[in-house]
N, C-alpha and C. Protein backbone atom coordinates (compact mmCIF):
# COMPACT_ATOMS: atom_id res chain seq x y z
N MET A 1 16.18 12.75 -3.81
CA MET A 1 15.23 11.95 -5.16
C MET A 1 14.30 12.05 -5.37
N THR A 2 13.92 12.84 -6.66
CA THR A 2 12.61 12.88 -6.97
C THR A 2 11.86 11.64 -6.97
N GLU A 3 10.84 11.28 -7.23
CA GLU A 3 10.14 10.81 -7.05
C GLU A 3 9.49 9.92 -8.69
N LYS A 4 9.50 9.40 -9.74
CA LYS A 4 9.16 9.12 -11.35
C LYS A 4 6.98 9.82 -10.61
N LYS A 5 7.22 10.92 -11.42
CA LYS A 5 5.43 10.82 -11.77
C LYS A 5 4.51 10.44 -13.69
N SER A 6 4.80 10.69 -13.76
CA SER A 6 4.65 10.40 -15.72
C SER A 6 5.75 9.02 -15.98
N TRP A 7 5.57 8.45 -16.81
CA TRP A 7 5.43 7.52 -17.85
C TRP A 7 5.91 7.31 -19.56
N PRO A 8 5.34 8.45 -19.81
CA PRO A 8 6.12 8.34 -21.39
C PRO A 8 6.02 6.99 -22.01
N LYS A 9 7.64 6.44 -22.04
CA LYS A 9 8.11 5.66 -22.38
C LYS A 9 7.35 4.24 -21.86
N LEU A 10 6.54 4.20 -21.77
CA LEU A 10 5.87 2.72 -21.38
C LEU A 10 4.35 2.96 -22.84
N VAL A 11 3.88 3.70 -23.29
CA VAL A 11 3.14 3.83 -23.92
C VAL A 11 3.79 2.50 -24.94
N GLY A 12 3.22 1.41 -25.79
CA GLY A 12 3.20 0.41 -26.66
C GLY A 12 3.68 -0.57 -25.49
N THR A 13 3.75 -0.34 -24.47
CA THR A 13 4.36 -1.65 -24.11
C THR A 13 2.80 -3.17 -23.09
N SER A 14 3.65 -3.92 -22.35
CA SER A 14 2.37 -4.49 -21.77
C SER A 14 1.46 -3.59 -21.25
N GLY A 15 0.56 -3.90 -20.40
CA GLY A 15 0.29 -3.55 -19.44
C GLY A 15 -0.07 -3.37 -17.89
N GLU A 16 0.63 -4.44 -17.74
CA GLU A 16 1.07 -5.49 -16.40
C GLU A 16 2.32 -4.76 -16.55
N SER A 17 2.92 -5.08 -17.47
CA SER A 17 4.27 -4.91 -17.46
C SER A 17 4.99 -3.65 -17.35
N ALA A 18 3.70 -2.65 -17.89
CA ALA A 18 3.66 -0.86 -17.10
C ALA A 18 3.69 -0.53 -15.37
N LYS A 19 2.09 -1.90 -15.41
CA LYS A 19 2.09 -1.31 -14.12
C LYS A 19 3.70 -1.43 -13.54
N ALA A 20 3.86 -3.10 -13.48
CA ALA A 20 5.19 -3.21 -12.87
C ALA A 20 5.96 -1.69 -12.52
N THR A 21 6.56 -1.90 -13.20
CA THR A 21 7.33 -0.93 -13.70
C THR A 21 7.13 0.89 -12.76
N ILE A 22 6.32 1.25 -13.23
CA ILE A 22 5.81 2.15 -12.19
C ILE A 22 5.85 2.04 -11.28
N GLU A 23 5.52 0.83 -10.58
CA GLU A 23 5.21 0.53 -9.05
C GLU A 23 6.69 -0.20 -8.08
N ARG A 24 7.41 0.11 -9.25
CA ARG A 24 8.98 -0.72 -8.60
C ARG A 24 10.05 0.93 -8.49
N GLU A 25 9.45 2.05 -9.86
CA GLU A 25 10.28 2.77 -9.97
C GLU A 25 9.21 4.54 -8.53
N ASN A 26 8.65 3.87 -8.97
CA ASN A 26 8.04 4.78 -6.84
C ASN A 26 6.57 4.47 -6.12
N ARG A 27 7.99 3.78 -5.53
CA ARG A 27 6.72 2.82 -4.22
C ARG A 27 5.48 2.85 -3.95
N ASN A 28 5.28 4.33 -3.66
CA ASN A 28 4.07 5.27 -2.76
C ASN A 28 3.02 5.28 -3.80
N VAL A 29 2.28 4.49 -5.17
CA VAL A 29 1.59 4.79 -5.56
C VAL A 29 1.88 3.07 -6.05
N LYS A 30 0.04 3.38 -6.57
CA LYS A 30 0.25 1.77 -6.89
C LYS A 30 -0.88 2.09 -8.25
N ALA A 31 -0.36 1.24 -9.09
CA ALA A 31 -0.75 1.04 -10.32
C ALA A 31 -2.51 0.56 -11.33
N VAL A 32 -2.46 0.73 -11.81
CA VAL A 32 -3.88 0.29 -11.68
C VAL A 32 -4.45 -0.16 -13.75
N VAL A 33 -4.47 -1.13 -14.17
CA VAL A 33 -4.54 -1.22 -14.87
C VAL A 33 -6.16 -1.14 -16.17
N LEU A 34 -6.39 -0.14 -17.20
CA LEU A 34 -8.59 -0.10 -16.93
C LEU A 34 -8.06 -0.60 -18.29
N LEU A 35 -9.17 -0.64 -19.29
CA LEU A 35 -9.33 -0.52 -20.74
C LEU A 35 -10.04 0.25 -21.15
N ASP A 36 -8.87 1.26 -22.30
CA ASP A 36 -9.60 2.67 -22.66
C ASP A 36 -10.78 2.66 -23.52
N GLY A 37 -12.05 3.80 -22.74
CA GLY A 37 -12.06 3.91 -23.01
C GLY A 37 -13.97 3.81 -21.87
N SER A 38 -13.25 2.58 -20.47
CA SER A 38 -14.28 2.14 -19.17
C SER A 38 -13.98 2.76 -19.33
N PRO A 39 -15.75 2.74 -17.63
CA PRO A 39 -15.91 4.00 -17.06
C PRO A 39 -14.85 3.86 -15.89
N ALA A 40 -14.25 5.28 -15.64
CA ALA A 40 -13.51 5.08 -13.92
C ALA A 40 -13.51 6.54 -13.04
N THR A 41 -12.93 6.70 -12.20
CA THR A 41 -13.27 7.32 -11.65
C THR A 41 -11.99 8.32 -11.50
N MET A 42 -12.26 9.96 -11.57
CA MET A 42 -11.44 10.76 -11.46
C MET A 42 -11.44 11.97 -10.99
N ASP A 43 -11.54 11.14 -9.74
CA ASP A 43 -10.68 12.51 -8.80
C ASP A 43 -9.83 11.98 -8.59
N PHE A 44 -8.83 13.23 -7.99
CA PHE A 44 -7.44 13.33 -8.22
C PHE A 44 -6.72 12.34 -7.23
N ARG A 45 -5.92 11.63 -6.95
CA ARG A 45 -5.73 10.70 -6.38
C ARG A 45 -3.60 10.76 -6.22
N SER A 46 -3.13 11.31 -5.43
CA SER A 46 -1.23 11.32 -5.88
C SER A 46 -0.73 10.28 -5.53
N ASN A 47 -1.14 8.76 -4.96
CA ASN A 47 -1.12 7.98 -4.54
C ASN A 47 -1.94 7.03 -5.42
N ARG A 48 -2.19 7.38 -6.39
CA ARG A 48 -3.36 6.42 -8.20
C ARG A 48 -2.11 6.33 -9.16
N VAL A 49 -1.75 5.20 -9.85
CA VAL A 49 -1.43 5.86 -11.97
C VAL A 49 -2.69 5.33 -12.12
N GLN A 50 -3.48 5.54 -13.45
CA GLN A 50 -4.11 4.73 -14.01
C GLN A 50 -3.55 4.72 -15.42
N VAL A 51 -3.19 3.21 -16.06
CA VAL A 51 -2.56 2.40 -16.75
C VAL A 51 -3.65 1.45 -17.58
N TRP A 52 -3.28 2.60 -19.14
CA TRP A 52 -4.70 2.69 -19.98
C TRP A 52 -4.29 1.76 -21.53
N VAL A 53 -5.21 0.34 -21.62
CA VAL A 53 -4.54 -0.33 -22.42
C VAL A 53 -5.73 -0.46 -23.90
N ASP A 54 -5.40 -0.96 -24.36
CA ASP A 54 -6.45 -0.96 -26.08
C ASP A 54 -6.53 -2.33 -25.57
N GLY A 55 -7.62 -2.82 -26.37
CA GLY A 55 -7.66 -4.56 -26.64
C GLY A 55 -6.54 -5.31 -27.02
N ASN A 56 -5.83 -5.45 -27.48
CA ASN A 56 -4.70 -5.24 -27.05
C ASN A 56 -3.38 -6.11 -25.15
N GLU A 57 -4.03 -5.19 -24.73
CA GLU A 57 -3.60 -5.02 -23.46
C GLU A 57 -2.31 -4.45 -23.82
N LEU A 58 -2.02 -3.32 -24.29
CA LEU A 58 -0.76 -2.56 -25.37
C LEU A 58 -0.84 -0.48 -24.21
N VAL A 59 -0.60 -0.53 -23.20
CA VAL A 59 -0.34 0.96 -23.12
C VAL A 59 -0.69 1.99 -24.11
N VAL A 60 -1.65 2.98 -23.61
CA VAL A 60 -1.88 3.62 -25.57
C VAL A 60 -1.96 5.01 -25.02
N ARG A 61 -2.07 4.92 -23.72
CA ARG A 61 -1.67 7.39 -22.91
C ARG A 61 -0.42 7.12 -22.24
N ALA A 62 0.32 7.80 -22.01
CA ALA A 62 1.49 8.07 -20.73
C ALA A 62 0.42 7.86 -19.03
N PRO A 63 1.18 6.83 -18.56
CA PRO A 63 0.70 6.61 -17.30
C PRO A 63 1.13 8.05 -16.69
N THR A 64 0.92 8.64 -15.80
CA THR A 64 0.81 9.79 -15.40
C THR A 64 0.01 9.55 -14.23
N ILE A 65 0.54 10.24 -12.75
CA ILE A 65 0.15 9.35 -10.96
C ILE A 65 -1.42 11.39 -11.53
N GLY A 66 -2.13 10.35 -10.27
CA GLY A 66 -3.93 10.92 -10.29
C GLY A 66 -5.17 9.66 -10.27
């Protein structure tokens, strides 16, 4: 079975809930919740998913592996 690499349906949901969903659906990644616009490393990592949230802690873009 191919593991998920992107979660577009999580846009608009709670960042912490999105993190839990991502880590449950692909056990090979660690999801990290970040405030949109904050500095973050730009290196590609196949075991990381950045979950970008707004000031209300809602996901603002589709989380993807990288």
